[in-house]
Amino acid sequence: MRTKLHIAFAFVTLASCTRRPGVPARGSAPTSADSAILSAAADSLEALERRIGMAPPDQRPIAERTVIANAWSEAQRHMTSVAARAPESPIREWLFGDIWHQGQRLDVPGAFDSAEAHLSRALTLDSTLLPARLSLARLYINAGLELAPKAEQLLRSAQVVPGSRDETTVHEGLAFALWYQGRRKDAAAEAAFVLARDPQNQAMRMFREAIR
Protein backbone atom coordinates (compact mmCIF):
# COMPACT_ATOMS: atom_id res chain seq x y z
CA MET A 1 0.00 0.00 0.00
CA ARG A 2 2.61 2.57 1.02
CA THR A 3 4.76 1.85 -2.02
CA LYS A 4 1.93 2.54 -4.45
CA LEU A 5 1.04 5.86 -2.79
CA HIS A 6 4.71 6.79 -2.43
CA ILE A 7 5.27 6.43 -6.18
CA ALA A 8 2.17 8.44 -7.03
CA PHE A 9 3.14 11.40 -4.88
CA ALA A 10 6.68 11.39 -6.27
CA PHE A 11 5.17 11.72 -9.75
CA VAL A 12 2.81 14.49 -8.71
CA THR A 13 5.42 16.76 -7.20
CA LEU A 14 8.06 16.25 -9.84
CA ALA A 15 5.53 17.04 -12.54
CA SER A 16 4.55 20.25 -10.77
CA CYS A 17 8.13 21.35 -10.26
CA THR A 18 9.23 20.75 -13.82
CA ARG A 19 6.31 22.79 -15.10
CA ARG A 20 7.68 25.89 -13.39
CA PRO A 21 11.30 26.43 -14.57
CA GLY A 22 10.77 30.18 -14.89
CA VAL A 23 9.05 30.76 -11.56
CA PRO A 24 10.05 34.18 -10.19
CA ALA A 25 12.02 34.15 -6.96
CA ARG A 26 14.05 36.55 -4.88
CA GLY A 27 17.77 36.58 -5.55
CA SER A 28 19.78 35.85 -8.68
CA ALA A 29 18.79 32.50 -10.12
CA PRO A 30 21.25 30.25 -11.96
CA THR A 31 21.40 30.71 -15.71
CA SER A 32 18.98 28.68 -17.77
CA ALA A 33 21.90 26.48 -18.84
CA ASP A 34 22.93 25.79 -15.24
CA SER A 35 19.32 25.15 -14.23
CA ALA A 36 19.04 22.67 -17.08
CA ILE A 37 22.23 20.92 -15.93
CA LEU A 38 20.92 20.53 -12.38
CA SER A 39 17.47 19.42 -13.53
CA ALA A 40 19.03 16.85 -15.84
CA ALA A 41 21.16 15.51 -12.97
CA ALA A 42 18.07 15.00 -10.80
CA ASP A 43 16.19 13.41 -13.71
CA SER A 44 19.09 11.05 -14.36
CA LEU A 45 19.13 9.88 -10.73
CA GLU A 46 15.37 9.44 -10.74
CA ALA A 47 15.55 7.38 -13.94
CA LEU A 48 18.26 5.24 -12.36
CA GLU A 49 16.13 4.60 -9.29
CA ARG A 50 13.16 3.61 -11.44
CA ARG A 51 15.35 1.26 -13.45
CA ILE A 52 17.03 -0.56 -10.56
CA GLY A 53 14.40 -0.06 -7.85
CA MET A 54 14.80 0.75 -4.17
CA ALA A 55 16.67 -1.64 -1.89
CA PRO A 56 18.99 -1.49 1.13
CA PRO A 57 22.60 -0.95 -0.01
CA ASP A 58 23.76 -4.26 1.47
CA GLN A 59 21.17 -6.09 -0.64
CA ARG A 60 22.27 -4.58 -3.93
CA PRO A 61 24.66 -6.39 -6.26
CA ILE A 62 28.11 -4.84 -6.48
CA ALA A 63 27.40 -3.80 -10.07
CA GLU A 64 24.36 -1.73 -9.00
CA ARG A 65 26.26 -0.09 -6.15
CA THR A 66 28.97 0.89 -8.62
CA VAL A 67 26.42 2.39 -11.01
CA ILE A 68 24.89 4.42 -8.16
CA ALA A 69 28.29 5.63 -6.97
CA ASN A 70 29.25 6.76 -10.46
CA ALA A 71 25.93 8.50 -11.06
CA TRP A 72 26.14 10.26 -7.72
CA SER A 73 29.72 11.40 -8.37
CA GLU A 74 28.54 12.93 -11.64
CA ALA A 75 25.65 14.72 -9.89
CA GLN A 76 28.01 16.08 -7.23
CA ARG A 77 30.37 17.30 -9.93
CA HIS A 78 27.54 19.28 -11.50
CA MET A 79 26.50 20.77 -8.15
CA THR A 80 30.06 21.79 -7.33
CA SER A 81 30.48 23.37 -10.75
CA VAL A 82 27.25 25.37 -10.55
CA ALA A 83 27.91 26.41 -6.95
CA ALA A 84 31.24 27.90 -8.03
CA ARG A 85 29.66 30.24 -10.56
CA ALA A 86 26.07 30.79 -9.38
CA PRO A 87 25.46 32.72 -6.14
CA GLU A 88 23.07 31.38 -3.55
CA SER A 89 19.46 31.83 -4.60
CA PRO A 90 16.10 30.18 -3.92
CA ILE A 91 16.12 28.44 -7.30
CA ARG A 92 19.66 27.13 -6.87
CA GLU A 93 18.90 25.76 -3.42
CA TRP A 94 15.69 24.13 -4.65
CA LEU A 95 17.52 22.42 -7.53
CA PHE A 96 20.33 21.27 -5.24
CA GLY A 97 17.72 19.96 -2.82
CA ASP A 98 16.01 17.96 -5.53
CA ILE A 99 19.29 16.30 -6.48
CA TRP A 100 20.01 15.42 -2.86
CA HIS A 101 16.49 14.03 -2.50
CA GLN A 102 17.10 11.71 -5.43
CA GLY A 103 20.35 10.72 -3.70
CA GLN A 104 18.37 9.93 -0.54
CA ARG A 105 16.14 7.59 -2.52
CA LEU A 106 19.29 5.80 -3.65
CA ASP A 107 20.61 5.61 -0.06
CA VAL A 108 23.42 8.12 -0.51
CA PRO A 109 24.78 8.75 3.03
CA GLY A 110 23.66 12.08 4.49
CA ALA A 111 21.38 12.81 1.57
CA PHE A 112 18.21 13.38 3.60
CA ASP A 113 19.84 16.01 5.81
CA SER A 114 21.37 17.77 2.79
CA ALA A 115 18.10 17.71 0.88
CA GLU A 116 16.21 19.11 3.86
CA ALA A 117 18.84 21.82 4.40
CA HIS A 118 18.84 23.02 0.78
CA LEU A 119 15.07 22.98 0.39
CA SER A 120 14.54 24.71 3.73
CA ARG A 121 17.10 27.33 2.74
CA ALA A 122 15.25 27.92 -0.53
CA LEU A 123 12.08 28.64 1.43
CA THR A 124 13.95 30.86 3.88
CA LEU A 125 15.14 32.92 0.92
CA ASP A 126 11.72 32.93 -0.75
CA SER A 127 8.77 31.46 1.13
CA THR A 128 6.56 31.81 -1.96
CA LEU A 129 8.64 29.42 -4.10
CA LEU A 130 6.08 26.66 -4.58
CA PRO A 131 8.35 24.06 -6.26
CA ALA A 132 10.70 24.11 -3.26
CA ARG A 133 7.74 23.80 -0.87
CA LEU A 134 6.36 20.84 -2.84
CA SER A 135 9.78 19.20 -2.99
CA LEU A 136 10.30 19.50 0.76
CA ALA A 137 6.81 18.12 1.41
CA ARG A 138 7.57 15.21 -0.88
CA LEU A 139 10.84 14.58 0.94
CA TYR A 140 9.03 14.40 4.28
CA ILE A 141 6.15 12.23 3.05
CA ASN A 142 8.40 9.74 1.30
CA ALA A 143 10.99 9.59 4.10
CA GLY A 144 8.82 8.38 6.97
CA LEU A 145 5.32 8.36 8.42
CA GLU A 146 6.43 10.46 11.39
CA LEU A 147 7.32 13.35 9.06
CA ALA A 148 3.89 13.57 7.42
CA PRO A 149 2.72 16.35 9.83
CA LYS A 150 5.61 18.52 8.64
CA ALA A 151 4.52 17.94 5.06
CA GLU A 152 0.96 18.89 5.92
CA GLN A 153 2.10 22.14 7.54
CA LEU A 154 4.17 23.04 4.48
CA LEU A 155 1.32 22.36 2.09
CA ARG A 156 -1.28 24.25 4.12
CA SER A 157 1.03 27.26 4.16
CA ALA A 158 1.39 27.33 0.37
CA GLN A 159 0.30 30.52 -1.37
CA VAL A 160 -1.69 29.53 -4.44
CA VAL A 161 -4.40 31.08 -6.59
CA PRO A 162 -7.82 29.53 -5.89
CA GLY A 163 -8.92 27.38 -8.80
CA SER A 164 -5.41 27.11 -10.23
CA ARG A 165 -3.46 23.98 -11.10
CA ASP A 166 -1.13 24.87 -8.23
CA GLU A 167 -4.02 24.66 -5.78
CA THR A 168 -4.91 21.22 -7.12
CA THR A 169 -1.31 20.06 -6.72
CA VAL A 170 -1.24 21.20 -3.10
CA HIS A 171 -4.41 19.24 -2.36
CA GLU A 172 -2.89 16.17 -4.06
CA GLY A 173 -0.01 16.39 -1.62
CA LEU A 174 -2.34 16.90 1.33
CA ALA A 175 -4.16 13.68 0.47
CA PHE A 176 -0.94 11.73 1.00
CA ALA A 177 0.18 13.72 4.05
CA LEU A 178 -3.15 13.09 5.77
CA TRP A 179 -3.31 9.43 4.78
CA TYR A 180 0.10 8.78 6.31
CA GLN A 181 -1.15 10.30 9.56
CA GLY A 182 -4.02 7.82 9.64
CA ARG A 183 -6.60 10.51 8.81
CA ARG A 184 -8.42 8.45 6.21
CA LYS A 185 -11.57 10.56 5.92
CA ASP A 186 -9.61 13.79 5.57
CA ALA A 187 -7.36 12.20 2.95
CA ALA A 188 -10.38 10.94 1.01
CA ALA A 189 -11.89 14.44 1.12
CA GLU A 190 -8.71 15.90 -0.37
CA ALA A 191 -8.77 13.31 -3.14
CA ALA A 192 -12.42 14.12 -3.83
CA PHE A 193 -11.57 17.85 -3.97
CA VAL A 194 -8.95 17.17 -6.63
CA LEU A 195 -11.06 14.78 -8.70
CA ALA A 196 -14.00 17.19 -8.69
CA ARG A 197 -11.76 19.67 -10.49
CA ASP A 198 -9.73 17.18 -12.50
CA PRO A 199 -11.65 13.91 -13.00
CA GLN A 200 -8.85 12.42 -15.13
CA ASN A 201 -6.12 13.05 -12.55
CA GLN A 202 -4.15 9.81 -12.70
CA ALA A 203 -2.39 10.19 -9.35
CA MET A 204 -5.62 10.79 -7.44
CA ARG A 205 -7.44 8.02 -9.26
CA MET A 206 -4.65 5.66 -8.19
CA PHE A 207 -4.90 7.04 -4.66
CA ARG A 208 -8.65 6.56 -4.52
CA GLU A 209 -8.33 2.96 -5.66
CA ALA A 210 -5.50 2.28 -3.17
CA ILE A 211 -7.41 3.53 -0.11
CA ARG A 212 -10.66 1.71 -0.80
C-alpha atoms as a PDB file:
ATOM      1  CA  MET A   1       0.000   0.000   0.000  1.00  0.00           C
ATOM      2  CA  ARG A   2       2.605   2.570   1.020  1.00  0.00           C
ATOM      3  CA  THR A   3       4.761   1.850  -2.025  1.00  0.00           C
ATOM      4  CA  LYS A   4       1.929   2.544  -4.447  1.00  0.00           C
ATOM      5  CA  LEU A   5       1.039   5.856  -2.792  1.00  0.00           C
ATOM      6  CA  HIS A   6       4.708   6.786  -2.434  1.00  0.00           C
ATOM      7  CA  ILE A   7       5.271   6.431  -6.183  1.00  0.00           C
ATOM      8  CA  ALA A   8       2.173   8.435  -7.030  1.00  0.00           C
ATOM      9  CA  PHE A   9       3.139  11.399  -4.880  1.00  0.00           C
ATOM     10  CA  ALA A  10       6.678  11.393  -6.267  1.00  0.00           C
ATOM     11  CA  PHE A  11       5.175  11.722  -9.746  1.00  0.00           C
ATOM     12  CA  VAL A  12       2.808  14.494  -8.706  1.00  0.00           C
ATOM     13  CA  THR A  13       5.421  16.764  -7.197  1.00  0.00           C
ATOM     14  CA  LEU A  14       8.059  16.247  -9.839  1.00  0.00           C
ATOM     15  CA  ALA A  15       5.532  17.042 -12.542  1.00  0.00           C
ATOM     16  CA  SER A  16       4.545  20.245 -10.772  1.00  0.00           C
ATOM     17  CA  CYS A  17       8.128  21.350 -10.264  1.00  0.00           C
ATOM     18  CA  THR A  18       9.227  20.749 -13.823  1.00  0.00           C
ATOM     19  CA  ARG A  19       6.306  22.789 -15.102  1.00  0.00           C
ATOM     20  CA  ARG A  20       7.680  25.888 -13.391  1.00  0.00           C
ATOM     21  CA  PRO A  21      11.298  26.434 -14.572  1.00  0.00           C
ATOM     22  CA  GLY A  22      10.768  30.176 -14.892  1.00  0.00           C
ATOM     23  CA  VAL A  23       9.051  30.757 -11.563  1.00  0.00           C
ATOM     24  CA  PRO A  24      10.049  34.179 -10.191  1.00  0.00           C
ATOM     25  CA  ALA A  25      12.017  34.149  -6.965  1.00  0.00           C
ATOM     26  CA  ARG A  26      14.046  36.551  -4.876  1.00  0.00           C
ATOM     27  CA  GLY A  27      17.767  36.580  -5.554  1.00  0.00           C
ATOM     28  CA  SER A  28      19.778  35.854  -8.678  1.00  0.00           C
ATOM     29  CA  ALA A  29      18.788  32.501 -10.117  1.00  0.00           C
ATOM     30  CA  PRO A  30      21.252  30.245 -11.958  1.00  0.00           C
ATOM     31  CA  THR A  31      21.401  30.714 -15.706  1.00  0.00           C
ATOM     32  CA  SER A  32      18.979  28.678 -17.771  1.00  0.00           C
ATOM     33  CA  ALA A  33      21.897  26.477 -18.840  1.00  0.00           C
ATOM     34  CA  ASP A  34      22.928  25.786 -15.235  1.00  0.00           C
ATOM     35  CA  SER A  35      19.320  25.154 -14.227  1.00  0.00           C
ATOM     36  CA  ALA A  36      19.043  22.668 -17.085  1.00  0.00           C
ATOM     37  CA  ILE A  37      22.233  20.921 -15.929  1.00  0.00           C
ATOM     38  CA  LEU A  38      20.916  20.532 -12.383  1.00  0.00           C
ATOM     39  CA  SER A  39      17.467  19.418 -13.532  1.00  0.00           C
ATOM     40  CA  ALA A  40      19.034  16.847 -15.844  1.00  0.00           C
ATOM     41  CA  ALA A  41      21.155  15.513 -12.973  1.00  0.00           C
ATOM     42  CA  ALA A  42      18.072  14.999 -10.799  1.00  0.00           C
ATOM     43  CA  ASP A  43      16.187  13.414 -13.707  1.00  0.00           C
ATOM     44  CA  SER A  44      19.088  11.045 -14.359  1.00  0.00           C
ATOM     45  CA  LEU A  45      19.132   9.876 -10.735  1.00  0.00           C
ATOM     46  CA  GLU A  46      15.367   9.439 -10.742  1.00  0.00           C
ATOM     47  CA  ALA A  47      15.551   7.379 -13.942  1.00  0.00           C
ATOM     48  CA  LEU A  48      18.260   5.244 -12.359  1.00  0.00           C
ATOM     49  CA  GLU A  49      16.126   4.597  -9.288  1.00  0.00           C
ATOM     50  CA  ARG A  50      13.158   3.612 -11.440  1.00  0.00           C
ATOM     51  CA  ARG A  51      15.345   1.258 -13.445  1.00  0.00           C
ATOM     52  CA  ILE A  52      17.028  -0.558 -10.556  1.00  0.00           C
ATOM     53  CA  GLY A  53      14.402  -0.061  -7.850  1.00  0.00           C
ATOM     54  CA  MET A  54      14.801   0.753  -4.173  1.00  0.00           C
ATOM     55  CA  ALA A  55      16.670  -1.641  -1.891  1.00  0.00           C
ATOM     56  CA  PRO A  56      18.990  -1.485   1.134  1.00  0.00           C
ATOM     57  CA  PRO A  57      22.601  -0.951  -0.008  1.00  0.00           C
ATOM     58  CA  ASP A  58      23.756  -4.257   1.471  1.00  0.00           C
ATOM     59  CA  GLN A  59      21.173  -6.089  -0.644  1.00  0.00           C
ATOM     60  CA  ARG A  60      22.275  -4.579  -3.928  1.00  0.00           C
ATOM     61  CA  PRO A  61      24.665  -6.391  -6.260  1.00  0.00           C
ATOM     62  CA  ILE A  62      28.113  -4.835  -6.479  1.00  0.00           C
ATOM     63  CA  ALA A  63      27.403  -3.796 -10.069  1.00  0.00           C
ATOM     64  CA  GLU A  64      24.364  -1.728  -8.995  1.00  0.00           C
ATOM     65  CA  ARG A  65      26.265  -0.094  -6.155  1.00  0.00           C
ATOM     66  CA  THR A  66      28.975   0.891  -8.622  1.00  0.00           C
ATOM     67  CA  VAL A  67      26.419   2.393 -11.011  1.00  0.00           C
ATOM     68  CA  ILE A  68      24.890   4.416  -8.162  1.00  0.00           C
ATOM     69  CA  ALA A  69      28.293   5.632  -6.967  1.00  0.00           C
ATOM     70  CA  ASN A  70      29.252   6.761 -10.457  1.00  0.00           C
ATOM     71  CA  ALA A  71      25.931   8.496 -11.063  1.00  0.00           C
ATOM     72  CA  TRP A  72      26.141  10.264  -7.720  1.00  0.00           C
ATOM     73  CA  SER A  73      29.717  11.399  -8.371  1.00  0.00           C
ATOM     74  CA  GLU A  74      28.537  12.935 -11.637  1.00  0.00           C
ATOM     75  CA  ALA A  75      25.654  14.724  -9.889  1.00  0.00           C
ATOM     76  CA  GLN A  76      28.012  16.076  -7.228  1.00  0.00           C
ATOM     77  CA  ARG A  77      30.371  17.302  -9.932  1.00  0.00           C
ATOM     78  CA  HIS A  78      27.540  19.284 -11.498  1.00  0.00           C
ATOM     79  CA  MET A  79      26.496  20.775  -8.149  1.00  0.00           C
ATOM     80  CA  THR A  80      30.064  21.794  -7.332  1.00  0.00           C
ATOM     81  CA  SER A  81      30.477  23.370 -10.749  1.00  0.00           C
ATOM     82  CA  VAL A  82      27.246  25.368 -10.553  1.00  0.00           C
ATOM     83  CA  ALA A  83      27.913  26.413  -6.952  1.00  0.00           C
ATOM     84  CA  ALA A  84      31.241  27.899  -8.029  1.00  0.00           C
ATOM     85  CA  ARG A  85      29.663  30.244 -10.559  1.00  0.00           C
ATOM     86  CA  ALA A  86      26.069  30.791  -9.375  1.00  0.00           C
ATOM     87  CA  PRO A  87      25.462  32.719  -6.143  1.00  0.00           C
ATOM     88  CA  GLU A  88      23.069  31.382  -3.551  1.00  0.00           C
ATOM     89  CA  SER A  89      19.456  31.833  -4.597  1.00  0.00           C
ATOM     90  CA  PRO A  90      16.100  30.181  -3.915  1.00  0.00           C
ATOM     91  CA  ILE A  91      16.123  28.445  -7.299  1.00  0.00           C
ATOM     92  CA  ARG A  92      19.663  27.127  -6.870  1.00  0.00           C
ATOM     93  CA  GLU A  93      18.898  25.759  -3.421  1.00  0.00           C
ATOM     94  CA  TRP A  94      15.693  24.129  -4.650  1.00  0.00           C
ATOM     95  CA  LEU A  95      17.515  22.418  -7.529  1.00  0.00           C
ATOM     96  CA  PHE A  96      20.333  21.272  -5.243  1.00  0.00           C
ATOM     97  CA  GLY A  97      17.721  19.958  -2.821  1.00  0.00           C
ATOM     98  CA  ASP A  98      16.006  17.959  -5.529  1.00  0.00           C
ATOM     99  CA  ILE A  99      19.287  16.296  -6.480  1.00  0.00           C
ATOM    100  CA  TRP A 100      20.008  15.420  -2.861  1.00  0.00           C
ATOM    101  CA  HIS A 101      16.494  14.028  -2.501  1.00  0.00           C
ATOM    102  CA  GLN A 102      17.100  11.705  -5.426  1.00  0.00           C
ATOM    103  CA  GLY A 103      20.346  10.722  -3.698  1.00  0.00           C
ATOM    104  CA  GLN A 104      18.372   9.929  -0.540  1.00  0.00           C
ATOM    105  CA  ARG A 105      16.139   7.589  -2.517  1.00  0.00           C
ATOM    106  CA  LEU A 106      19.295   5.797  -3.654  1.00  0.00           C
ATOM    107  CA  ASP A 107      20.609   5.605  -0.058  1.00  0.00           C
ATOM    108  CA  VAL A 108      23.423   8.116  -0.509  1.00  0.00           C
ATOM    109  CA  PRO A 109      24.783   8.754   3.032  1.00  0.00           C
ATOM    110  CA  GLY A 110      23.664  12.077   4.494  1.00  0.00           C
ATOM    111  CA  ALA A 111      21.379  12.810   1.569  1.00  0.00           C
ATOM    112  CA  PHE A 112      18.206  13.378   3.602  1.00  0.00           C
ATOM    113  CA  ASP A 113      19.840  16.011   5.808  1.00  0.00           C
ATOM    114  CA  SER A 114      21.374  17.768   2.795  1.00  0.00           C
ATOM    115  CA  ALA A 115      18.097  17.714   0.879  1.00  0.00           C
ATOM    116  CA  GLU A 116      16.205  19.110   3.855  1.00  0.00           C
ATOM    117  CA  ALA A 117      18.837  21.816   4.403  1.00  0.00           C
ATOM    118  CA  HIS A 118      18.839  23.019   0.781  1.00  0.00           C
ATOM    119  CA  LEU A 119      15.070  22.978   0.387  1.00  0.00           C
ATOM    120  CA  SER A 120      14.544  24.707   3.734  1.00  0.00           C
ATOM    121  CA  ARG A 121      17.104  27.330   2.737  1.00  0.00           C
ATOM    122  CA  ALA A 122      15.248  27.918  -0.529  1.00  0.00           C
ATOM    123  CA  LEU A 123      12.076  28.642   1.428  1.00  0.00           C
ATOM    124  CA  THR A 124      13.952  30.860   3.876  1.00  0.00           C
ATOM    125  CA  LEU A 125      15.140  32.922   0.917  1.00  0.00           C
ATOM    126  CA  ASP A 126      11.725  32.927  -0.751  1.00  0.00           C
ATOM    127  CA  SER A 127       8.771  31.462   1.134  1.00  0.00           C
ATOM    128  CA  THR A 128       6.559  31.805  -1.965  1.00  0.00           C
ATOM    129  CA  LEU A 129       8.641  29.420  -4.100  1.00  0.00           C
ATOM    130  CA  LEU A 130       6.080  26.663  -4.584  1.00  0.00           C
ATOM    131  CA  PRO A 131       8.351  24.062  -6.261  1.00  0.00           C
ATOM    132  CA  ALA A 132      10.696  24.113  -3.258  1.00  0.00           C
ATOM    133  CA  ARG A 133       7.736  23.801  -0.871  1.00  0.00           C
ATOM    134  CA  LEU A 134       6.364  20.840  -2.842  1.00  0.00           C
ATOM    135  CA  SER A 135       9.785  19.198  -2.994  1.00  0.00           C
ATOM    136  CA  LEU A 136      10.297  19.502   0.756  1.00  0.00           C
ATOM    137  CA  ALA A 137       6.805  18.124   1.412  1.00  0.00           C
ATOM    138  CA  ARG A 138       7.570  15.206  -0.882  1.00  0.00           C
ATOM    139  CA  LEU A 139      10.838  14.577   0.944  1.00  0.00           C
ATOM    140  CA  TYR A 140       9.028  14.396   4.281  1.00  0.00           C
ATOM    141  CA  ILE A 141       6.154  12.227   3.045  1.00  0.00           C
ATOM    142  CA  ASN A 142       8.403   9.735   1.297  1.00  0.00           C
ATOM    143  CA  ALA A 143      10.986   9.586   4.103  1.00  0.00           C
ATOM    144  CA  GLY A 144       8.821   8.385   6.969  1.00  0.00           C
ATOM    145  CA  LEU A 145       5.316   8.365   8.422  1.00  0.00           C
ATOM    146  CA  GLU A 146       6.434  10.463  11.388  1.00  0.00           C
ATOM    147  CA  LEU A 147       7.322  13.346   9.065  1.00  0.00           C
ATOM    148  CA  ALA A 148       3.887  13.572   7.422  1.00  0.00           C
ATOM    149  CA  PRO A 149       2.716  16.345   9.829  1.00  0.00           C
ATOM    150  CA  LYS A 150       5.610  18.521   8.643  1.00  0.00           C
ATOM    151  CA  ALA A 151       4.522  17.941   5.060  1.00  0.00           C
ATOM    152  CA  GLU A 152       0.956  18.891   5.924  1.00  0.00           C
ATOM    153  CA  GLN A 153       2.098  22.138   7.538  1.00  0.00           C
ATOM    154  CA  LEU A 154       4.167  23.041   4.476  1.00  0.00           C
ATOM    155  CA  LEU A 155       1.319  22.365   2.086  1.00  0.00           C
ATOM    156  CA  ARG A 156      -1.284  24.247   4.117  1.00  0.00           C
ATOM    157  CA  SER A 157       1.033  27.261   4.159  1.00  0.00           C
ATOM    158  CA  ALA A 158       1.390  27.327   0.370  1.00  0.00           C
ATOM    159  CA  GLN A 159       0.299  30.517  -1.369  1.00  0.00           C
ATOM    160  CA  VAL A 160      -1.689  29.527  -4.442  1.00  0.00           C
ATOM    161  CA  VAL A 161      -4.398  31.083  -6.588  1.00  0.00           C
ATOM    162  CA  PRO A 162      -7.818  29.531  -5.890  1.00  0.00           C
ATOM    163  CA  GLY A 163      -8.925  27.379  -8.803  1.00  0.00           C
ATOM    164  CA  SER A 164      -5.412  27.105 -10.228  1.00  0.00           C
ATOM    165  CA  ARG A 165      -3.460  23.979 -11.103  1.00  0.00           C
ATOM    166  CA  ASP A 166      -1.129  24.872  -8.233  1.00  0.00           C
ATOM    167  CA  GLU A 167      -4.023  24.664  -5.782  1.00  0.00           C
ATOM    168  CA  THR A 168      -4.910  21.224  -7.117  1.00  0.00           C
ATOM    169  CA  THR A 169      -1.313  20.061  -6.717  1.00  0.00           C
ATOM    170  CA  VAL A 170      -1.241  21.204  -3.096  1.00  0.00           C
ATOM    171  CA  HIS A 171      -4.408  19.236  -2.359  1.00  0.00           C
ATOM    172  CA  GLU A 172      -2.894  16.174  -4.055  1.00  0.00           C
ATOM    173  CA  GLY A 173      -0.006  16.389  -1.617  1.00  0.00           C
ATOM    174  CA  LEU A 174      -2.339  16.898   1.327  1.00  0.00           C
ATOM    175  CA  ALA A 175      -4.163  13.681   0.473  1.00  0.00           C
ATOM    176  CA  PHE A 176      -0.942  11.730   1.003  1.00  0.00           C
ATOM    177  CA  ALA A 177       0.182  13.715   4.047  1.00  0.00           C
ATOM    178  CA  LEU A 178      -3.149  13.089   5.771  1.00  0.00           C
ATOM    179  CA  TRP A 179      -3.305   9.434   4.781  1.00  0.00           C
ATOM    180  CA  TYR A 180       0.104   8.785   6.313  1.00  0.00           C
ATOM    181  CA  GLN A 181      -1.150  10.303   9.564  1.00  0.00           C
ATOM    182  CA  GLY A 182      -4.023   7.820   9.644  1.00  0.00           C
ATOM    183  CA  ARG A 183      -6.603  10.508   8.814  1.00  0.00           C
ATOM    184  CA  ARG A 184      -8.425   8.449   6.215  1.00  0.00           C
ATOM    185  CA  LYS A 185     -11.573  10.556   5.920  1.00  0.00           C
ATOM    186  CA  ASP A 186      -9.606  13.790   5.573  1.00  0.00           C
ATOM    187  CA  ALA A 187      -7.361  12.196   2.950  1.00  0.00           C
ATOM    188  CA  ALA A 188     -10.376  10.944   1.011  1.00  0.00           C
ATOM    189  CA  ALA A 189     -11.886  14.435   1.125  1.00  0.00           C
ATOM    190  CA  GLU A 190      -8.707  15.904  -0.372  1.00  0.00           C
ATOM    191  CA  ALA A 191      -8.769  13.314  -3.140  1.00  0.00           C
ATOM    192  CA  ALA A 192     -12.424  14.124  -3.831  1.00  0.00           C
ATOM    193  CA  PHE A 193     -11.568  17.847  -3.970  1.00  0.00           C
ATOM    194  CA  VAL A 194      -8.950  17.166  -6.632  1.00  0.00           C
ATOM    195  CA  LEU A 195     -11.061  14.776  -8.702  1.00  0.00           C
ATOM    196  CA  ALA A 196     -14.003  17.186  -8.691  1.00  0.00           C
ATOM    197  CA  ARG A 197     -11.755  19.669 -10.491  1.00  0.00           C
ATOM    198  CA  ASP A 198      -9.729  17.181 -12.499  1.00  0.00           C
ATOM    199  CA  PRO A 199     -11.649  13.911 -13.004  1.00  0.00           C
ATOM    200  CA  GLN A 200      -8.847  12.422 -15.134  1.00  0.00           C
ATOM    201  CA  ASN A 201      -6.124  13.053 -12.547  1.00  0.00           C
ATOM    202  CA  GLN A 202      -4.150   9.809 -12.703  1.00  0.00           C
ATOM    203  CA  ALA A 203      -2.392  10.186  -9.348  1.00  0.00           C
ATOM    204  CA  MET A 204      -5.619  10.785  -7.436  1.00  0.00           C
ATOM    205  CA  ARG A 205      -7.441   8.023  -9.262  1.00  0.00           C
ATOM    206  CA  MET A 206      -4.647   5.658  -8.193  1.00  0.00           C
ATOM    207  CA  PHE A 207      -4.898   7.045  -4.665  1.00  0.00           C
ATOM    208  CA  ARG A 208      -8.647   6.563  -4.519  1.00  0.00           C
ATOM    209  CA  GLU A 209      -8.327   2.959  -5.663  1.00  0.00           C
ATOM    210  CA  ALA A 210      -5.501   2.279  -3.173  1.00  0.00           C
ATOM    211  CA  ILE A 211      -7.407   3.529  -0.114  1.00  0.00           C
ATOM    212  CA  ARG A 212     -10.662   1.706  -0.800  1.00  0.00           C
END
